[in-house]
């Protein structure tokens, strides 16, 4: 039945789609967590206007962080972020992601949702993510999943946010130790490479001088 609905949503007219989708009311969360059902929910979000699937969006309220850390739920949340055309109805999705962003960044599925907001979100949403992660950048950079989020923070953050992140790594007296630790780490070394790719000439000069100073001690 679920597979048939998925195919039907590709070909039928909007009004028929809306009627078919209503059959899912009361079963949204079960479908999201189902290997096949999640594809139907994704298709609904992609092909039916947001105002016609409000009951689907509403079912996620209070559950966004949990769904973001689920192998199927994370895909559904990303589809909402991509296709929701009613900002007012969908704002709670981003708000709940931001509330749990430290946990999501370190989760094997939640990190993709966090990266999605960094790539496609509003500037203030990026700032909020970076603000919440700051103070933990060296630790997160050494984490298998969170290191990817830190890279996205550097790539998509504004100049002020980048300066904050880079300064946290080597802008203090212990900065050279942080840098050497990161360079030797299997995940954090990619963050250092990203910094070299995107930083200003002045920041790059400081970073390279830190590296030179560290290795001249050996």
Protein backbone atom coordinates (compact mmCIF):
# COMPACT_ATOMS: atom_id res chain seq x y z
CA UNK A 1 0.00 0.00 0.00
CA UNK A 2 2.75 2.44 1.00
CA UNK A 3 4.78 1.74 -2.14
CA UNK A 4 1.68 2.23 -4.28
CA UNK A 5 0.98 5.59 -2.67
CA UNK A 6 4.55 6.69 -3.37
CA UNK A 7 4.13 5.90 -7.10
CA UNK A 8 0.64 7.45 -7.24
CA UNK A 9 1.90 10.76 -5.87
CA UNK A 10 4.14 11.06 -8.93
CA UNK A 11 1.32 11.03 -11.46
CA UNK A 12 -2.03 12.18 -10.04
CA UNK A 13 -3.38 15.73 -9.94
CA UNK A 14 -2.94 17.99 -6.92
CA UNK A 15 -6.49 17.60 -5.59
CA UNK A 16 -6.23 13.83 -5.79
CA UNK A 17 -2.83 13.99 -4.11
CA UNK A 18 -4.27 16.03 -1.25
CA UNK A 19 -7.10 13.51 -0.77
CA UNK A 20 -4.69 10.58 -0.86
CA UNK A 21 -2.35 12.25 1.60
CA UNK A 22 -5.20 12.75 4.10
CA UNK A 23 -5.25 8.97 4.55
CA UNK A 24 -1.93 9.32 6.35
CA UNK A 25 -3.42 11.53 9.07
CA UNK A 26 -2.82 9.83 12.40
CA UNK A 27 -0.11 7.59 10.97
CA UNK A 28 2.61 10.13 10.17
CA UNK A 29 5.14 9.22 12.84
CA UNK A 30 4.77 5.50 12.18
CA UNK A 31 5.40 6.09 8.47
CA UNK A 32 8.41 8.32 9.12
CA UNK A 33 10.11 5.56 11.10
CA UNK A 34 9.25 2.88 8.53
CA UNK A 35 11.73 1.77 5.87
CA UNK A 36 9.16 2.28 3.10
CA UNK A 37 6.78 4.73 4.73
CA UNK A 38 9.40 7.44 5.11
CA UNK A 39 9.65 7.64 1.30
CA UNK A 40 5.93 8.36 1.10
CA UNK A 41 6.21 11.16 3.66
CA UNK A 42 9.18 12.60 1.79
CA UNK A 43 7.21 12.48 -1.48
CA UNK A 44 4.26 14.26 0.15
CA UNK A 45 6.54 17.04 1.41
CA UNK A 46 8.18 17.37 -2.01
CA UNK A 47 5.05 17.31 -4.19
CA UNK A 48 2.13 18.70 -2.16
CA UNK A 49 1.94 22.38 -1.09
CA UNK A 50 2.76 22.91 2.58
CA UNK A 51 -0.71 24.23 3.44
CA UNK A 52 -2.24 20.93 2.26
CA UNK A 53 0.01 18.81 4.49
CA UNK A 54 -0.09 20.87 7.67
CA UNK A 55 -1.05 17.76 9.66
CA UNK A 56 2.25 16.13 8.60
CA UNK A 57 4.34 19.14 9.62
CA UNK A 58 2.43 19.50 12.90
CA UNK A 59 3.11 15.85 13.78
CA UNK A 60 6.82 16.71 14.08
CA UNK A 61 6.33 19.37 16.77
CA UNK A 62 8.38 18.48 19.84
CA UNK A 63 9.94 15.56 17.95
CA UNK A 64 12.39 17.29 15.60
CA UNK A 65 15.60 16.47 17.48
CA UNK A 66 14.57 12.83 17.95
CA UNK A 67 13.65 12.49 14.27
CA UNK A 68 16.89 14.20 13.21
CA UNK A 69 18.81 11.45 14.97
CA UNK A 70 16.83 8.68 13.27
CA UNK A 71 18.11 7.05 10.04
CA UNK A 72 14.84 7.74 8.19
CA UNK A 73 13.60 10.70 10.20
CA UNK A 74 16.68 12.76 9.37
CA UNK A 75 15.81 12.51 5.66
CA UNK A 76 12.25 13.65 6.28
CA UNK A 77 13.39 16.66 8.31
CA UNK A 78 15.79 17.65 5.53
CA UNK A 79 12.94 17.48 2.98
CA UNK A 80 10.89 19.84 5.17
CA UNK A 81 13.81 22.28 5.29
CA UNK A 82 14.07 22.12 1.49
CA UNK A 83 10.42 22.28 0.47
CA UNK A 84 8.41 24.05 3.17
CA UNK A 85 6.84 27.11 1.56
CA UNK A 86 5.13 28.41 4.69
CA UNK A 87 7.83 29.88 6.89
CA UNK A 88 5.47 30.50 9.80
CA UNK A 89 4.27 26.87 9.90
CA UNK A 90 7.79 25.44 9.60
CA UNK A 91 9.83 27.79 11.78
CA UNK A 92 9.50 25.47 14.78
CA UNK A 93 11.48 22.84 12.83
CA UNK A 94 14.57 25.07 12.70
CA UNK A 95 13.97 26.31 16.25
CA UNK A 96 13.99 22.75 17.62
CA UNK A 97 17.13 21.92 15.64
CA UNK A 98 18.87 24.97 17.11
CA UNK A 99 17.81 24.00 20.64
CA UNK A 100 19.57 20.62 20.32
CA UNK A 101 22.35 21.53 17.90
CA UNK A 102 25.26 20.42 20.14
CA UNK A 103 23.83 16.90 20.42
CA UNK A 104 22.79 16.80 16.76
CA UNK A 105 26.24 17.85 15.55
CA UNK A 106 27.76 14.79 17.23
CA UNK A 107 25.11 12.32 16.05
CA UNK A 108 25.64 10.05 13.05
CA UNK A 109 22.39 11.26 11.47
CA UNK A 110 21.80 14.57 13.24
CA UNK A 111 25.04 16.00 11.88
CA UNK A 112 23.55 15.93 8.36
CA UNK A 113 20.52 17.91 9.51
CA UNK A 114 22.82 20.47 11.18
CA UNK A 115 24.93 20.75 8.03
CA UNK A 116 21.73 21.24 6.03
CA UNK A 117 20.77 24.30 8.10
CA UNK A 118 24.31 25.69 7.76
CA UNK A 119 24.20 25.27 3.98
CA UNK A 120 20.64 26.46 3.31
CA UNK A 121 19.56 28.37 6.40
CA UNK A 122 19.35 32.09 7.09
CA UNK A 123 22.45 34.01 8.23
CA UNK A 124 21.04 34.40 11.75
CA UNK A 125 20.46 30.63 11.95
CA UNK A 126 24.08 30.00 10.98
CA UNK A 127 25.18 32.51 13.61
CA UNK A 128 23.13 30.75 16.27
CA UNK A 129 24.62 27.36 15.42
CA UNK A 130 28.18 28.71 15.50
CA UNK A 131 27.48 30.57 18.76
CA UNK A 132 26.18 27.39 20.40
CA UNK A 133 29.16 25.31 19.21
CA UNK A 134 31.80 27.90 20.07
CA UNK A 135 33.81 27.06 23.15
CA UNK A 136 33.93 23.41 22.06
CA UNK A 137 35.48 23.69 18.60
CA UNK A 138 38.72 21.82 19.29
CA UNK A 139 36.82 18.95 20.92
CA UNK A 140 34.16 18.83 18.19
CA UNK A 141 36.82 18.91 15.48
CA UNK A 142 38.20 15.63 16.85
CA UNK A 143 34.78 13.97 16.62
CA UNK A 144 33.95 11.77 13.63
CA UNK A 145 30.61 13.43 12.87
CA UNK A 146 30.92 16.87 14.47
CA UNK A 147 34.14 17.59 12.55
CA UNK A 148 32.04 17.75 9.38
CA UNK A 149 29.77 20.30 11.04
CA UNK A 150 32.76 22.43 12.08
CA UNK A 151 33.98 22.40 8.47
CA UNK A 152 30.55 23.60 7.31
CA UNK A 153 30.59 26.34 9.97
CA UNK A 154 33.88 27.58 8.54
CA UNK A 155 32.66 27.29 4.96
CA UNK A 156 29.25 28.95 5.34
CA UNK A 157 29.77 31.26 8.30
CA UNK A 158 30.35 34.97 7.81
CA UNK A 159 33.71 36.68 8.32
CA UNK A 160 32.93 37.43 11.98
CA UNK A 161 31.93 33.81 12.70
CA UNK A 162 35.03 32.46 10.96
CA UNK A 163 37.24 34.76 13.01
CA UNK A 164 35.55 33.53 16.18
CA UNK A 165 36.13 29.87 15.26
CA UNK A 166 39.69 30.31 14.07
CA UNK A 167 40.53 32.48 17.08
CA UNK A 168 39.28 29.73 19.37
CA UNK A 169 41.78 27.32 17.86
CA UNK A 170 44.95 29.41 17.80
CA UNK A 171 44.11 32.87 19.10
CA UNK A 172 45.17 32.23 22.70
CA UNK A 173 48.34 31.24 24.53
CA UNK A 174 47.48 27.54 24.27
CA UNK A 175 46.64 27.96 20.58
CA UNK A 176 49.74 26.23 19.26
CA UNK A 177 48.98 23.18 21.39
CA UNK A 178 45.42 23.11 20.04
CA UNK A 179 46.70 23.39 16.51
CA UNK A 180 49.24 20.61 16.86
CA UNK A 181 46.64 18.35 18.49
CA UNK A 182 44.26 19.00 15.61
CA UNK A 183 46.90 18.49 12.93
CA UNK A 184 47.69 15.05 14.34
CA UNK A 185 44.04 14.01 14.74
CA UNK A 186 42.37 11.76 12.15
CA UNK A 187 39.32 14.04 11.89
CA UNK A 188 40.51 17.46 13.07
CA UNK A 189 43.29 17.62 10.47
CA UNK A 190 40.55 18.12 7.85
CA UNK A 191 39.27 21.11 9.83
CA UNK A 192 42.78 22.63 9.75
CA UNK A 193 42.89 22.06 5.99
CA UNK A 194 39.51 23.79 5.65
CA UNK A 195 40.80 26.75 7.64
CA UNK A 196 43.77 27.06 5.27
CA UNK A 197 41.37 26.96 2.31
CA UNK A 198 39.00 29.70 3.47
CA UNK A 199 40.90 31.96 5.89
CA UNK A 200 42.18 35.46 5.15
CA UNK A 201 45.82 36.06 4.26
CA UNK A 202 46.43 37.49 7.72
CA UNK A 203 44.85 34.48 9.44
CA UNK A 204 46.84 32.12 7.23
CA UNK A 205 50.08 33.90 8.14
CA UNK A 206 49.27 33.57 11.87
CA UNK A 207 48.37 29.90 11.47
CA UNK A 208 51.56 29.09 9.56
CA UNK A 209 53.68 30.97 12.09
CA UNK A 210 52.07 28.88 14.84
CA UNK A 211 52.97 25.74 12.92
CA UNK A 212 56.57 26.93 12.39
CA UNK A 213 56.92 27.83 16.09
CA UNK A 214 55.60 24.43 17.14
CA UNK A 215 57.92 22.46 14.90
CA UNK A 216 60.97 24.61 15.69
CA UNK A 217 60.66 23.41 19.32
CA UNK A 218 61.15 19.79 18.27
